[in-house]
Amino acid sequence: MFVGVTNGWPIRRAQTSPGLFGVALCFPCNRKRDYAVSYILEQSWCREPPQWVKLCGHGTLAAAHFLWTSGLVSSTVIEFATKSGILTAKKVIRSNLLGAPNVALNEAGEKFSIELDFPVIPVGGCNAAETPSITETLTGASIVELSSGKEVVDLHPNFDEIQKCAGNGLIVTAPAPPGSEYDIFTRFFCPKFGINEASPRGGRLDLQLMEETQRVCIRGEAVTVMVGSLLV
């Protein structure tokens, strides 16, 4: 994931940069909000081939990680103005983590994880009789639940067939095997975005559903592998 931080240079020029799996572009946002924040950023994402999407967990996590580790943001909360509304990233210091290993370090040497506050996306079930009508109504991704996590790991999908399916992708999930230290295994196949499978390198994610507010807290980690400047 490539993270670009700018004061307002043309976003679409970066959109054509070759060889980038994903891009998160950030710049300071001066829009007033109803609540106090110390730093507000406006963020957009694009994929390769160029295609803007409204929501990207990897992009949000990577952007927040870079802004904190680089010292550009000193507060423990960042609010991103996105096409999906306001998304909040919160820095969780190591002392507040429940035994989470290998978390990131900021400039002060503090170990931290990142907690994202995302909206819930409604889902609906279907039976065999409804299958013919799915292609007429599906606009999101299909979710298929298998019986075991091993089936998810061993799955070899036919990407040509997934490309023909309705919606923007296929999510396959199942309960994790006993003793794995996880609750679920999930893979996301999205050839329509030009990516056969979303990167499995996201590692461990801790999830919490808040039913009253219809929000999901996603806690994870990130690492910076390279820092540089892009000339446009």
Protein backbone atom coordinates (compact mmCIF):
# COMPACT_ATOMS: atom_id res chain seq x y z
CA MET A 1 0.00 0.00 0.00
CA PHE A 2 1.38 3.40 -1.06
CA VAL A 3 0.57 6.38 1.16
CA GLY A 4 0.92 9.90 -0.24
CA VAL A 5 0.73 12.96 2.00
CA THR A 6 0.43 16.33 0.25
CA ASN A 7 -0.67 19.91 0.73
CA GLY A 8 -2.92 19.74 -2.30
CA TRP A 9 -1.02 18.76 -5.47
CA PRO A 10 -3.18 17.16 -8.19
CA ILE A 11 -4.42 13.80 -6.96
CA ARG A 12 -5.13 12.38 -10.39
CA ARG A 13 -1.50 12.71 -11.45
CA ALA A 14 -0.55 10.26 -8.72
CA GLN A 15 -3.39 8.00 -9.79
CA THR A 16 -1.48 7.06 -12.94
CA SER A 17 1.73 6.11 -11.12
CA PRO A 18 2.69 2.62 -12.36
CA GLY A 19 3.10 -0.52 -10.31
CA LEU A 20 1.22 0.55 -7.18
CA PHE A 21 -1.06 -2.10 -5.68
CA GLY A 22 -3.00 0.46 -3.70
CA VAL A 23 -2.78 4.20 -3.07
CA ALA A 24 -4.03 6.29 -0.17
CA LEU A 25 -3.71 10.04 -0.74
CA CYS A 26 -4.02 12.41 2.19
CA PHE A 27 -4.00 16.17 2.58
CA PRO A 28 -5.00 18.54 5.41
CA CYS A 29 -8.72 19.30 5.46
CA ASN A 30 -9.99 22.59 6.90
CA ARG A 31 -13.64 21.62 6.98
CA LYS A 32 -15.36 22.40 10.29
CA ARG A 33 -16.94 19.52 12.19
CA ASP A 34 -19.42 19.39 15.05
CA TYR A 35 -16.82 17.89 17.38
CA ALA A 36 -13.33 18.90 18.42
CA VAL A 37 -10.42 17.26 16.67
CA SER A 38 -6.76 18.13 16.61
CA TYR A 39 -6.11 17.15 13.02
CA ILE A 40 -8.49 16.36 10.15
CA LEU A 41 -7.35 14.83 6.90
CA GLU A 42 -9.22 14.29 3.67
CA GLN A 43 -8.43 10.89 2.17
CA SER A 44 -9.19 9.14 -1.11
CA TRP A 45 -8.07 5.81 -2.51
CA CYS A 46 -7.34 4.36 -5.93
CA ARG A 47 -6.46 0.92 -7.20
CA GLU A 48 -4.32 -0.34 -10.05
CA PRO A 49 -5.74 -0.25 -12.73
CA PRO A 50 -7.04 3.20 -11.72
CA GLN A 51 -10.42 2.84 -10.05
CA TRP A 52 -11.56 4.92 -7.11
CA VAL A 53 -13.33 3.11 -4.28
CA LYS A 54 -15.32 4.54 -1.38
CA LEU A 55 -13.79 2.46 1.40
CA CYS A 56 -10.45 0.73 1.91
CA GLY A 57 -9.35 -0.69 5.24
CA HIS A 58 -5.74 -1.20 4.16
CA GLY A 59 -5.56 2.40 2.92
CA THR A 60 -6.96 3.85 6.13
CA LEU A 61 -4.68 1.74 8.33
CA ALA A 62 -1.58 2.54 6.29
CA ALA A 63 -2.34 6.27 6.18
CA ALA A 64 -2.88 6.50 9.94
CA HIS A 65 0.27 4.46 10.61
CA PHE A 66 2.44 6.75 8.48
CA LEU A 67 0.99 9.97 9.89
CA TRP A 68 1.78 8.84 13.43
CA THR A 69 5.18 7.23 12.88
CA SER A 70 6.40 10.18 10.82
CA GLY A 71 5.37 12.67 13.49
CA LEU A 72 2.97 14.56 11.21
CA VAL A 73 0.18 13.93 13.71
CA SER A 74 0.71 14.10 17.47
CA SER A 75 -2.84 13.44 18.66
CA THR A 76 -4.08 9.93 19.44
CA VAL A 77 -7.10 10.27 17.12
CA ILE A 78 -7.21 11.06 13.40
CA GLU A 79 -10.46 11.73 11.54
CA PHE A 80 -10.52 11.08 7.81
CA ALA A 81 -13.11 12.73 5.56
CA THR A 82 -13.87 10.11 2.89
CA LYS A 83 -16.49 9.18 0.32
CA SER A 84 -17.91 6.83 2.97
CA GLY A 85 -18.23 9.60 5.55
CA ILE A 86 -16.06 10.32 8.58
CA LEU A 87 -13.70 7.46 9.49
CA THR A 88 -11.82 7.55 12.79
CA ALA A 89 -8.41 6.03 13.51
CA LYS A 90 -7.29 5.76 17.13
CA LYS A 91 -3.79 5.06 18.42
CA VAL A 92 -3.83 2.39 21.13
CA ILE A 93 -0.62 2.48 23.19
CA ARG A 94 1.04 -0.85 24.05
CA SER A 95 0.10 -0.68 27.73
CA ASN A 96 -3.56 -0.75 26.70
CA LEU A 97 -3.18 -3.78 24.44
CA LEU A 98 -4.19 -7.23 25.56
CA GLY A 99 -0.91 -9.01 24.97
CA ALA A 100 -0.66 -7.99 21.32
CA PRO A 101 2.92 -8.66 20.10
CA ASN A 102 5.05 -6.88 17.50
CA VAL A 103 3.13 -3.61 17.38
CA ALA A 104 4.46 -0.51 15.65
CA LEU A 105 6.65 2.22 17.16
CA ASN A 106 6.09 5.95 16.83
CA GLU A 107 8.76 8.65 17.01
CA ALA A 108 8.70 8.58 20.82
CA GLY A 109 9.41 4.86 20.79
CA GLU A 110 5.92 4.01 22.03
CA LYS A 111 4.50 0.70 20.89
CA PHE A 112 1.00 1.04 19.49
CA SER A 113 -1.73 -0.61 17.49
CA ILE A 114 -4.36 1.15 15.34
CA GLU A 115 -8.10 0.96 15.90
CA LEU A 116 -10.40 1.93 13.01
CA ASP A 117 -14.06 2.91 13.35
CA PHE A 118 -15.93 1.81 10.21
CA PRO A 119 -19.61 1.75 9.22
CA VAL A 120 -21.48 -1.55 9.10
CA ILE A 121 -22.35 -2.69 5.58
CA PRO A 122 -25.77 -4.43 5.54
CA VAL A 123 -25.87 -8.04 4.34
CA GLY A 124 -28.76 -10.28 3.35
CA GLY A 125 -29.14 -14.03 3.02
CA CYS A 126 -30.58 -15.96 0.08
CA ASN A 127 -31.72 -19.47 -0.72
CA ALA A 128 -31.49 -21.60 -3.85
CA ALA A 129 -34.83 -20.37 -5.18
CA GLU A 130 -33.62 -16.77 -5.10
CA THR A 131 -30.34 -17.46 -6.89
CA PRO A 132 -31.53 -16.49 -10.42
CA SER A 133 -32.50 -12.98 -9.24
CA ILE A 134 -29.17 -12.28 -7.51
CA THR A 135 -27.53 -11.10 -10.73
CA GLU A 136 -30.23 -8.44 -11.09
CA THR A 137 -29.90 -6.96 -7.61
CA LEU A 138 -26.36 -7.56 -6.35
CA THR A 139 -24.17 -4.46 -6.24
CA GLY A 140 -21.74 -5.37 -3.45
CA ALA A 141 -19.77 -8.55 -2.81
CA SER A 142 -21.12 -12.07 -2.35
CA ILE A 143 -20.23 -13.83 0.92
CA VAL A 144 -19.87 -17.60 0.92
CA GLU A 145 -19.51 -19.41 4.25
CA LEU A 146 -17.69 -22.75 4.14
CA SER A 147 -17.68 -25.40 6.84
CA SER A 148 -14.04 -25.08 7.91
CA GLY A 149 -11.11 -22.70 7.83
CA LYS A 150 -9.04 -25.36 6.07
CA GLU A 151 -11.41 -25.21 3.11
CA VAL A 152 -10.84 -21.46 2.92
CA VAL A 153 -7.06 -21.89 2.97
CA ASP A 154 -7.07 -24.71 0.40
CA LEU A 155 -9.49 -22.98 -1.99
CA HIS A 156 -8.26 -22.48 -5.58
CA PRO A 157 -10.79 -20.11 -7.18
CA ASN A 158 -11.55 -19.75 -10.87
CA PHE A 159 -10.96 -16.03 -11.37
CA ASP A 160 -12.46 -16.02 -14.87
CA GLU A 161 -15.76 -17.26 -13.44
CA ILE A 162 -15.63 -14.77 -10.55
CA GLN A 163 -15.08 -12.02 -13.12
CA LYS A 164 -18.42 -12.99 -14.71
CA CYS A 165 -20.33 -12.99 -11.42
CA ALA A 166 -22.58 -10.17 -10.30
CA GLY A 167 -21.27 -7.69 -7.76
CA ASN A 168 -17.73 -6.51 -7.23
CA GLY A 169 -16.17 -9.60 -5.69
CA LEU A 170 -16.45 -12.80 -3.69
CA ILE A 171 -15.74 -13.13 0.03
CA VAL A 172 -15.14 -16.65 1.36
CA THR A 173 -15.14 -17.23 5.11
CA ALA A 174 -15.37 -20.02 7.69
CA PRO A 175 -14.73 -20.68 11.39
CA ALA A 176 -11.03 -21.01 12.18
CA PRO A 177 -9.82 -24.45 13.29
CA PRO A 178 -9.52 -25.09 17.04
CA GLY A 179 -6.19 -24.06 18.50
CA SER A 180 -5.42 -21.54 15.75
CA GLU A 181 -5.87 -18.51 18.09
CA TYR A 182 -8.31 -17.01 15.56
CA ASP A 183 -12.09 -16.98 15.29
CA ILE A 184 -12.53 -16.83 11.50
CA PHE A 185 -10.54 -17.17 8.27
CA THR A 186 -11.50 -14.92 5.36
CA ARG A 187 -10.33 -14.37 1.77
CA PHE A 188 -11.56 -11.74 -0.69
CA PHE A 189 -11.36 -12.33 -4.45
CA CYS A 190 -11.87 -9.17 -6.54
CA PRO A 191 -10.61 -9.54 -10.15
CA LYS A 192 -12.97 -6.75 -11.26
CA PHE A 193 -10.69 -4.35 -9.37
CA GLY A 194 -7.71 -5.71 -11.30
CA ILE A 195 -6.62 -7.69 -8.21
CA ASN A 196 -7.31 -11.42 -8.12
CA GLU A 197 -7.14 -11.55 -4.34
CA ALA A 198 -6.91 -8.81 -1.72
CA SER A 199 -3.59 -9.00 0.07
CA PRO A 200 -3.58 -11.61 2.87
CA ARG A 201 -0.75 -9.72 4.54
CA GLY A 202 -3.13 -7.79 6.77
CA GLY A 203 -2.29 -10.26 9.52
CA ARG A 204 -4.37 -10.51 12.65
CA LEU A 205 -7.37 -8.21 13.07
CA ASP A 206 -9.44 -7.83 16.25
CA LEU A 207 -13.07 -6.94 15.49
CA GLN A 208 -15.88 -5.59 17.65
CA LEU A 209 -19.44 -5.03 16.40
CA MET A 210 -21.38 -2.18 18.05
CA GLU A 211 -24.97 -3.02 17.16
CA GLU A 212 -26.58 0.13 18.59
CA THR A 213 -24.50 2.50 16.47
CA GLN A 214 -24.02 0.08 13.55
CA ARG A 215 -20.26 0.57 13.59
CA VAL A 216 -17.36 -1.89 13.56
CA CYS A 217 -14.09 -1.37 15.44
CA ILE A 218 -11.15 -2.97 13.62
CA ARG A 219 -7.83 -3.14 15.46
CA GLY A 220 -4.63 -4.07 13.62
CA GLU A 221 -0.98 -3.26 13.03
CA ALA A 222 1.17 -1.88 10.21
CA VAL A 223 4.82 -1.49 9.28
CA THR A 224 6.63 1.03 7.06
CA VAL A 225 8.91 -0.64 4.50
CA MET A 226 10.07 2.39 2.50
CA VAL A 227 9.91 6.20 2.68
CA GLY A 228 10.59 8.60 -0.20
CA SER A 229 9.36 11.52 -2.31
CA LEU A 230 7.24 11.33 -5.48
CA LEU A 231 8.00 13.88 -8.20
CA VAL A 232 4.95 14.83 -10.30
